[in-house]
């Protein structure tokens, strides 16, 4: 946001407020916005292979039959895939039509986890760049996962 005169006045007023007033102002502004969570679903004809692949990457796979969201959007087997704040559903394709590939970029792996990825049994390319090394995996569906 450019620092126009009205913005500068508002920032100046905010900085002169007492802490309790800043919190009240923040809550007032926050009440004008809606926070949402999106649900992503990967549909795949290679359900079992993709399930094993994400598990090998250190993601938590859950097939809780009591989770109504899992079964709300379609047929076929489905699991919830989670790693920290990332959550998506992996669903088995029940049609014969082709589905687009799924690409993913994951962060937050420790050095120990990165070393483990070298030996999980999936082909990868190690890419060396300015910020260190990263891994490029090809999923069983033909998509790409960067770590």
N, C-alpha and C. Protein backbone atom coordinates (compact mmCIF):
# COMPACT_ATOMS: atom_id res chain seq x y z
N UNK A 1 0.86 -1.17 0.00
CA UNK A 1 0.00 0.00 0.00
C UNK A 1 0.90 1.23 0.00
N UNK A 2 0.66 2.18 -0.89
CA UNK A 2 1.48 3.38 -0.92
C UNK A 2 1.22 4.23 0.32
N UNK A 3 2.24 4.96 0.75
CA UNK A 3 2.11 5.78 1.95
C UNK A 3 1.56 7.14 1.54
N UNK A 4 0.26 7.18 1.36
CA UNK A 4 -0.41 8.44 1.03
C UNK A 4 -0.63 9.22 2.32
N UNK A 5 -1.07 10.46 2.20
CA UNK A 5 -1.29 11.28 3.39
C UNK A 5 -2.34 10.68 4.33
N UNK A 6 -3.49 10.20 3.82
CA UNK A 6 -4.46 9.58 4.74
C UNK A 6 -3.90 8.33 5.45
N UNK A 7 -3.11 7.53 4.71
CA UNK A 7 -2.52 6.34 5.33
C UNK A 7 -1.53 6.76 6.40
N UNK A 8 -0.69 7.76 6.12
CA UNK A 8 0.29 8.24 7.09
C UNK A 8 -0.40 8.76 8.35
N UNK A 9 -1.51 9.46 8.19
CA UNK A 9 -2.25 9.96 9.36
C UNK A 9 -2.79 8.81 10.19
N UNK A 10 -3.34 7.78 9.51
CA UNK A 10 -3.87 6.63 10.24
C UNK A 10 -2.76 5.90 10.98
N UNK A 11 -1.61 5.69 10.33
CA UNK A 11 -0.49 5.01 10.97
C UNK A 11 0.00 5.82 12.16
N UNK A 12 0.08 7.14 12.00
CA UNK A 12 0.51 8.00 13.10
C UNK A 12 -0.44 7.91 14.28
N UNK A 13 -1.75 7.92 14.01
CA UNK A 13 -2.73 7.79 15.09
C UNK A 13 -2.61 6.44 15.77
N UNK A 14 -2.42 5.39 15.01
CA UNK A 14 -2.29 4.05 15.57
C UNK A 14 -1.06 3.96 16.47
N UNK A 15 0.07 4.53 16.05
CA UNK A 15 1.30 4.48 16.84
C UNK A 15 1.17 5.27 18.13
N UNK A 16 0.33 6.33 18.17
CA UNK A 16 0.15 7.13 19.38
C UNK A 16 -0.86 6.52 20.35
N UNK A 17 -1.56 5.49 19.94
CA UNK A 17 -2.56 4.85 20.81
C UNK A 17 -1.88 4.06 21.92
N UNK A 18 -2.57 3.94 23.01
CA UNK A 18 -2.12 3.05 24.08
C UNK A 18 -2.27 1.62 23.59
N UNK A 19 -1.54 0.69 24.21
CA UNK A 19 -1.59 -0.72 23.79
C UNK A 19 -3.01 -1.27 23.82
N UNK A 20 -3.77 -0.98 24.84
CA UNK A 20 -5.13 -1.52 24.94
C UNK A 20 -5.99 -0.98 23.81
N UNK A 21 -5.77 0.30 23.43
CA UNK A 21 -6.52 0.88 22.32
C UNK A 21 -6.10 0.25 20.99
N UNK A 22 -4.81 -0.07 20.84
CA UNK A 22 -4.35 -0.74 19.63
C UNK A 22 -5.02 -2.09 19.46
N UNK A 23 -5.15 -2.85 20.56
CA UNK A 23 -5.80 -4.15 20.51
C UNK A 23 -7.28 -3.99 20.12
N UNK A 24 -7.96 -3.01 20.70
CA UNK A 24 -9.36 -2.77 20.36
C UNK A 24 -9.50 -2.37 18.89
N UNK A 25 -8.59 -1.52 18.41
CA UNK A 25 -8.62 -1.10 17.01
C UNK A 25 -8.40 -2.30 16.09
N UNK A 26 -7.41 -3.15 16.45
CA UNK A 26 -7.13 -4.35 15.66
C UNK A 26 -8.35 -5.26 15.60
N UNK A 27 -8.99 -5.48 16.73
CA UNK A 27 -10.19 -6.33 16.75
C UNK A 27 -11.32 -5.73 15.92
N UNK A 28 -11.45 -4.41 15.96
CA UNK A 28 -12.48 -3.76 15.16
C UNK A 28 -12.21 -3.96 13.67
N UNK A 29 -10.98 -3.73 13.24
CA UNK A 29 -10.62 -3.91 11.83
C UNK A 29 -10.77 -5.38 11.44
N UNK A 30 -10.34 -6.30 12.31
CA UNK A 30 -10.42 -7.72 12.03
C UNK A 30 -11.87 -8.17 11.83
N UNK A 31 -12.81 -7.52 12.51
CA UNK A 31 -14.21 -7.92 12.40
C UNK A 31 -14.78 -7.65 11.00
N UNK A 32 -14.08 -6.87 10.19
CA UNK A 32 -14.54 -6.57 8.84
C UNK A 32 -14.05 -7.59 7.81
N UNK A 33 -13.25 -8.55 8.23
CA UNK A 33 -12.71 -9.55 7.32
C UNK A 33 -13.18 -10.93 7.73
N UNK A 34 -13.31 -11.81 6.76
CA UNK A 34 -13.75 -13.17 7.01
C UNK A 34 -12.57 -14.10 6.74
N UNK A 35 -12.25 -14.95 7.70
CA UNK A 35 -11.20 -15.94 7.51
C UNK A 35 -11.85 -17.24 7.04
N UNK A 36 -11.26 -17.83 6.03
CA UNK A 36 -11.79 -19.09 5.52
C UNK A 36 -10.68 -20.10 5.37
N UNK A 37 -11.04 -21.34 5.39
CA UNK A 37 -10.13 -22.43 5.09
C UNK A 37 -10.63 -23.10 3.82
N UNK A 38 -9.72 -23.38 2.93
CA UNK A 38 -10.10 -24.04 1.68
C UNK A 38 -9.82 -25.53 1.80
N UNK A 39 -10.60 -26.33 1.12
CA UNK A 39 -10.42 -27.77 1.10
C UNK A 39 -9.96 -28.16 -0.30
N UNK A 40 -8.78 -28.74 -0.38
CA UNK A 40 -8.25 -29.17 -1.66
C UNK A 40 -8.35 -30.68 -1.75
N UNK A 41 -8.65 -31.15 -2.93
CA UNK A 41 -8.79 -32.58 -3.14
C UNK A 41 -8.05 -32.98 -4.40
N UNK A 42 -7.18 -33.95 -4.25
CA UNK A 42 -6.43 -34.51 -5.37
C UNK A 42 -7.12 -35.80 -5.80
N UNK A 43 -7.57 -35.83 -7.02
CA UNK A 43 -8.24 -37.02 -7.55
C UNK A 43 -7.22 -37.77 -8.40
N UNK A 44 -7.03 -39.05 -8.11
CA UNK A 44 -5.99 -39.82 -8.77
C UNK A 44 -6.45 -41.22 -9.15
N UNK A 45 -6.03 -41.70 -10.32
CA UNK A 45 -6.30 -43.09 -10.67
C UNK A 45 -5.31 -44.05 -10.00
N UNK A 46 -4.20 -43.51 -9.47
CA UNK A 46 -3.17 -44.32 -8.80
C UNK A 46 -3.24 -44.11 -7.29
N UNK A 47 -4.40 -44.39 -6.72
CA UNK A 47 -4.65 -44.08 -5.32
C UNK A 47 -3.64 -44.74 -4.38
N UNK A 48 -3.43 -46.04 -4.51
CA UNK A 48 -2.53 -46.74 -3.59
C UNK A 48 -1.09 -46.24 -3.72
N UNK A 49 -0.62 -46.04 -4.94
CA UNK A 49 0.74 -45.57 -5.16
C UNK A 49 0.93 -44.15 -4.62
N UNK A 50 -0.04 -43.28 -4.82
CA UNK A 50 0.05 -41.91 -4.31
C UNK A 50 -0.02 -41.90 -2.79
N UNK A 51 -0.83 -42.77 -2.23
CA UNK A 51 -0.93 -42.88 -0.79
C UNK A 51 0.43 -43.25 -0.19
N UNK A 52 1.10 -44.26 -0.76
CA UNK A 52 2.43 -44.66 -0.29
C UNK A 52 3.46 -43.56 -0.50
N UNK A 53 3.35 -42.85 -1.62
CA UNK A 53 4.29 -41.77 -1.93
C UNK A 53 4.23 -40.67 -0.88
N UNK A 54 3.03 -40.19 -0.57
CA UNK A 54 2.90 -39.11 0.43
C UNK A 54 3.30 -39.58 1.81
N UNK A 55 3.03 -40.83 2.12
CA UNK A 55 3.46 -41.38 3.41
C UNK A 55 4.99 -41.41 3.48
N UNK A 56 5.65 -41.77 2.39
CA UNK A 56 7.11 -41.80 2.34
C UNK A 56 7.71 -40.40 2.51
N UNK A 57 6.96 -39.37 2.09
CA UNK A 57 7.45 -38.00 2.25
C UNK A 57 7.26 -37.48 3.67
N UNK A 58 6.75 -38.33 4.56
CA UNK A 58 6.58 -37.94 5.95
C UNK A 58 5.27 -37.27 6.26
N UNK A 59 4.30 -37.46 5.40
CA UNK A 59 2.98 -36.87 5.63
C UNK A 59 2.10 -37.86 6.37
N UNK A 60 1.20 -37.34 7.17
CA UNK A 60 0.29 -38.17 7.97
C UNK A 60 -0.94 -38.50 7.12
N UNK A 61 -1.22 -39.79 6.98
CA UNK A 61 -2.36 -40.25 6.18
C UNK A 61 -3.44 -40.76 7.14
N UNK A 62 -4.66 -40.26 6.98
CA UNK A 62 -5.75 -40.65 7.87
C UNK A 62 -6.97 -41.01 7.04
N UNK A 63 -7.51 -42.19 7.29
CA UNK A 63 -8.70 -42.64 6.58
C UNK A 63 -9.85 -42.83 7.55
N UNK A 64 -10.06 -41.86 8.42
CA UNK A 64 -11.09 -41.97 9.44
C UNK A 64 -12.47 -42.02 8.78
N UNK A 65 -13.16 -43.12 8.95
CA UNK A 65 -14.47 -43.28 8.31
C UNK A 65 -15.52 -42.37 8.93
N UNK A 66 -15.26 -41.85 10.12
CA UNK A 66 -16.22 -40.96 10.77
C UNK A 66 -16.10 -39.52 10.31
N UNK A 67 -15.07 -39.18 9.54
CA UNK A 67 -14.88 -37.82 9.06
C UNK A 67 -15.83 -37.58 7.88
N UNK A 68 -16.87 -36.79 8.10
CA UNK A 68 -17.90 -36.57 7.09
C UNK A 68 -17.36 -35.80 5.88
N UNK A 69 -16.39 -34.90 6.09
CA UNK A 69 -15.84 -34.13 4.98
C UNK A 69 -15.16 -35.03 3.95
N UNK A 70 -14.55 -36.12 4.42
CA UNK A 70 -13.86 -37.01 3.50
C UNK A 70 -14.81 -37.57 2.45
N UNK A 71 -16.01 -37.87 2.84
CA UNK A 71 -16.94 -38.57 1.95
C UNK A 71 -18.00 -37.66 1.34
N UNK A 72 -17.87 -36.36 1.55
CA UNK A 72 -18.90 -35.42 1.13
C UNK A 72 -18.88 -35.12 -0.36
N UNK A 73 -17.70 -35.15 -1.00
CA UNK A 73 -17.59 -34.61 -2.34
C UNK A 73 -17.46 -35.64 -3.46
N UNK A 74 -17.61 -36.89 -3.20
CA UNK A 74 -17.53 -37.85 -4.29
C UNK A 74 -17.47 -39.28 -3.83
N UNK A 75 -17.31 -40.16 -4.82
CA UNK A 75 -17.24 -41.60 -4.56
C UNK A 75 -15.79 -42.03 -4.54
N UNK A 76 -15.57 -43.30 -4.26
CA UNK A 76 -14.22 -43.87 -4.27
C UNK A 76 -13.56 -43.74 -2.91
N UNK A 77 -12.44 -44.44 -2.78
CA UNK A 77 -11.69 -44.37 -1.53
C UNK A 77 -11.09 -42.98 -1.37
N UNK A 78 -10.96 -42.55 -0.12
CA UNK A 78 -10.43 -41.21 0.15
C UNK A 78 -9.70 -41.22 1.49
N UNK A 79 -8.61 -40.46 1.55
CA UNK A 79 -7.87 -40.27 2.80
C UNK A 79 -7.55 -38.80 2.95
N UNK A 80 -7.29 -38.40 4.17
CA UNK A 80 -6.84 -37.05 4.47
C UNK A 80 -5.32 -37.09 4.59
N UNK A 81 -4.65 -36.16 3.94
CA UNK A 81 -3.19 -36.09 3.95
C UNK A 81 -2.80 -34.80 4.66
N UNK A 82 -1.90 -34.89 5.63
CA UNK A 82 -1.57 -33.72 6.44
C UNK A 82 -0.06 -33.66 6.69
N UNK A 83 0.47 -32.46 6.62
CA UNK A 83 1.81 -32.15 7.07
C UNK A 83 1.77 -30.74 7.61
N UNK A 84 1.88 -30.61 8.92
CA UNK A 84 1.79 -29.33 9.61
C UNK A 84 0.50 -28.62 9.22
N UNK A 85 0.59 -27.45 8.59
CA UNK A 85 -0.61 -26.68 8.25
C UNK A 85 -1.25 -27.08 6.92
N UNK A 86 -0.57 -27.89 6.14
CA UNK A 86 -1.09 -28.32 4.84
C UNK A 86 -1.99 -29.53 5.03
N UNK A 87 -3.21 -29.43 4.53
CA UNK A 87 -4.16 -30.53 4.59
C UNK A 87 -4.88 -30.61 3.25
N UNK A 88 -4.94 -31.80 2.68
CA UNK A 88 -5.74 -32.01 1.49
C UNK A 88 -6.24 -33.44 1.50
N UNK A 89 -7.20 -33.71 0.62
CA UNK A 89 -7.77 -35.06 0.51
C UNK A 89 -7.24 -35.71 -0.76
N UNK A 90 -6.94 -36.97 -0.63
CA UNK A 90 -6.52 -37.79 -1.77
C UNK A 90 -7.66 -38.74 -2.05
N UNK A 91 -8.26 -38.62 -3.25
CA UNK A 91 -9.44 -39.42 -3.60
C UNK A 91 -9.15 -40.27 -4.82
N UNK A 92 -9.63 -41.49 -4.77
CA UNK A 92 -9.50 -42.41 -5.90
C UNK A 92 -10.45 -42.00 -7.01
N UNK A 93 -9.95 -41.95 -8.24
CA UNK A 93 -10.78 -41.62 -9.38
C UNK A 93 -11.66 -42.81 -9.72
N UNK A 94 -12.94 -42.56 -9.89
CA UNK A 94 -13.87 -43.64 -10.24
C UNK A 94 -14.26 -43.60 -11.71
N UNK A 95 -13.70 -42.64 -12.45
CA UNK A 95 -13.99 -42.55 -13.89
C UNK A 95 -12.74 -42.91 -14.67
N UNK A 96 -12.91 -43.16 -15.95
CA UNK A 96 -11.77 -43.53 -16.78
C UNK A 96 -11.13 -42.32 -17.45
N UNK A 97 -11.70 -41.13 -17.27
CA UNK A 97 -11.12 -39.95 -17.91
C UNK A 97 -9.85 -39.53 -17.17
N UNK A 98 -8.96 -38.90 -17.90
CA UNK A 98 -7.68 -38.49 -17.30
C UNK A 98 -7.90 -37.27 -16.41
N UNK A 99 -7.10 -37.20 -15.38
CA UNK A 99 -7.17 -36.08 -14.45
C UNK A 99 -5.86 -35.30 -14.53
N UNK A 100 -5.89 -34.00 -14.28
CA UNK A 100 -4.66 -33.22 -14.35
C UNK A 100 -3.69 -33.62 -13.24
N UNK A 101 -2.39 -33.41 -13.50
CA UNK A 101 -1.39 -33.74 -12.49
C UNK A 101 -1.42 -32.71 -11.37
N UNK A 102 -0.89 -33.10 -10.25
CA UNK A 102 -0.91 -32.29 -9.04
C UNK A 102 0.53 -31.93 -8.69
N UNK A 103 0.84 -30.65 -8.58
CA UNK A 103 2.17 -30.19 -8.22
C UNK A 103 2.12 -29.57 -6.83
N UNK A 104 3.20 -29.75 -6.08
CA UNK A 104 3.21 -29.33 -4.68
C UNK A 104 4.60 -28.85 -4.30
N UNK A 105 4.67 -27.81 -3.50
CA UNK A 105 5.93 -27.32 -2.96
C UNK A 105 5.82 -27.37 -1.45
N UNK A 106 6.70 -28.13 -0.80
CA UNK A 106 6.66 -28.32 0.64
C UNK A 106 7.89 -27.69 1.28
N UNK A 107 7.71 -27.09 2.43
CA UNK A 107 8.82 -26.50 3.18
C UNK A 107 8.76 -27.01 4.62
N UNK A 108 9.75 -26.65 5.40
CA UNK A 108 9.74 -26.97 6.82
C UNK A 108 10.33 -28.31 7.18
N UNK A 109 11.10 -28.91 6.29
CA UNK A 109 11.74 -30.19 6.59
C UNK A 109 13.05 -29.92 7.32
N UNK A 110 13.33 -30.69 8.36
CA UNK A 110 14.59 -30.56 9.10
C UNK A 110 15.71 -31.23 8.32
N UNK A 111 16.94 -31.00 8.73
CA UNK A 111 18.09 -31.63 8.06
C UNK A 111 17.99 -33.15 8.14
N UNK A 112 17.54 -33.66 9.27
CA UNK A 112 17.37 -35.11 9.45
C UNK A 112 16.33 -35.66 8.45
N UNK A 113 15.22 -34.94 8.30
CA UNK A 113 14.18 -35.38 7.37
C UNK A 113 14.66 -35.31 5.93
N UNK A 114 15.43 -34.28 5.60
CA UNK A 114 15.97 -34.16 4.25
C UNK A 114 16.93 -35.30 3.94
N UNK A 115 17.74 -35.69 4.91
CA UNK A 115 18.65 -36.82 4.70
C UNK A 115 17.87 -38.11 4.50
N UNK A 116 16.76 -38.27 5.23
CA UNK A 116 15.92 -39.46 5.09
C UNK A 116 15.30 -39.53 3.70
N UNK A 117 14.97 -38.37 3.11
CA UNK A 117 14.35 -38.35 1.79
C UNK A 117 15.27 -38.92 0.71
N UNK A 118 16.57 -38.87 0.93
CA UNK A 118 17.52 -39.43 -0.04
C UNK A 118 17.36 -40.94 -0.18
N UNK A 119 16.79 -41.59 0.83
CA UNK A 119 16.76 -43.05 0.89
C UNK A 119 15.35 -43.63 0.94
N UNK A 120 14.34 -42.90 0.48
CA UNK A 120 12.97 -43.42 0.59
C UNK A 120 12.58 -44.32 -0.57
N UNK A 121 13.43 -44.41 -1.59
CA UNK A 121 13.17 -45.35 -2.68
C UNK A 121 12.48 -44.75 -3.89
N UNK A 122 12.25 -43.45 -3.90
CA UNK A 122 11.67 -42.78 -5.06
C UNK A 122 12.76 -41.99 -5.77
N UNK A 123 12.69 -41.97 -7.10
CA UNK A 123 13.66 -41.20 -7.87
C UNK A 123 13.44 -39.71 -7.61
N UNK A 124 14.55 -39.00 -7.53
CA UNK A 124 14.48 -37.56 -7.33
C UNK A 124 15.68 -36.90 -7.97
N UNK A 125 15.56 -35.60 -8.17
CA UNK A 125 16.69 -34.78 -8.60
C UNK A 125 17.02 -33.85 -7.45
N UNK A 126 18.30 -33.77 -7.13
CA UNK A 126 18.70 -32.80 -6.12
C UNK A 126 19.15 -31.55 -6.85
N UNK A 127 18.51 -30.46 -6.55
CA UNK A 127 18.79 -29.18 -7.20
C UNK A 127 19.57 -28.30 -6.24
N UNK A 128 20.70 -27.78 -6.68
CA UNK A 128 21.53 -26.92 -5.85
C UNK A 128 21.34 -25.49 -6.33
N UNK A 129 21.02 -24.60 -5.41
CA UNK A 129 20.80 -23.21 -5.77
C UNK A 129 21.40 -22.27 -4.75
N UNK A 130 21.04 -21.03 -4.86
CA UNK A 130 21.57 -19.98 -3.96
C UNK A 130 21.20 -20.27 -2.51
N UNK A 131 20.00 -20.77 -2.29
CA UNK A 131 19.51 -20.98 -0.93
C UNK A 131 19.75 -22.40 -0.43
N UNK A 132 20.61 -23.15 -1.07
CA UNK A 132 20.91 -24.51 -0.64
C UNK A 132 20.33 -25.52 -1.62
N UNK A 133 20.19 -26.74 -1.12
CA UNK A 133 19.70 -27.79 -2.01
C UNK A 133 18.21 -28.03 -1.78
N UNK A 134 17.55 -28.50 -2.83
CA UNK A 134 16.15 -28.89 -2.74
C UNK A 134 15.99 -30.17 -3.54
N UNK A 135 14.88 -30.85 -3.31
CA UNK A 135 14.60 -32.11 -3.98
C UNK A 135 13.41 -31.94 -4.91
N UNK A 136 13.48 -32.57 -6.05
CA UNK A 136 12.37 -32.59 -7.01
C UNK A 136 11.97 -34.03 -7.22
N UNK A 137 10.80 -34.40 -6.72
CA UNK A 137 10.26 -35.74 -6.87
C UNK A 137 9.19 -35.73 -7.94
N UNK A 138 9.09 -36.81 -8.69
CA UNK A 138 7.98 -37.01 -9.63
C UNK A 138 7.01 -37.98 -8.98
N UNK A 139 5.75 -37.57 -8.88
CA UNK A 139 4.75 -38.41 -8.23
C UNK A 139 4.37 -39.57 -9.15
N UNK A 140 3.75 -40.61 -8.61
CA UNK A 140 3.28 -41.72 -9.45
C UNK A 140 2.29 -41.28 -10.53
N UNK A 141 1.65 -40.12 -10.34
CA UNK A 141 0.72 -39.58 -11.34
C UNK A 141 1.41 -38.72 -12.38
N UNK A 142 2.68 -38.43 -12.20
CA UNK A 142 3.40 -37.58 -13.14
C UNK A 142 3.52 -36.14 -12.71
N UNK A 143 3.00 -35.79 -11.55
CA UNK A 143 3.14 -34.44 -11.02
C UNK A 143 4.53 -34.26 -10.41
N UNK A 144 4.77 -33.09 -9.86
CA UNK A 144 6.06 -32.77 -9.27
C UNK A 144 5.87 -32.27 -7.85
N UNK A 145 6.76 -32.75 -6.96
CA UNK A 145 6.79 -32.26 -5.58
C UNK A 145 8.19 -31.72 -5.33
N UNK A 146 8.26 -30.44 -4.95
CA UNK A 146 9.53 -29.80 -4.58
C UNK A 146 9.60 -29.70 -3.06
N UNK A 147 10.76 -30.05 -2.54
CA UNK A 147 10.98 -29.92 -1.10
C UNK A 147 12.27 -29.16 -0.89
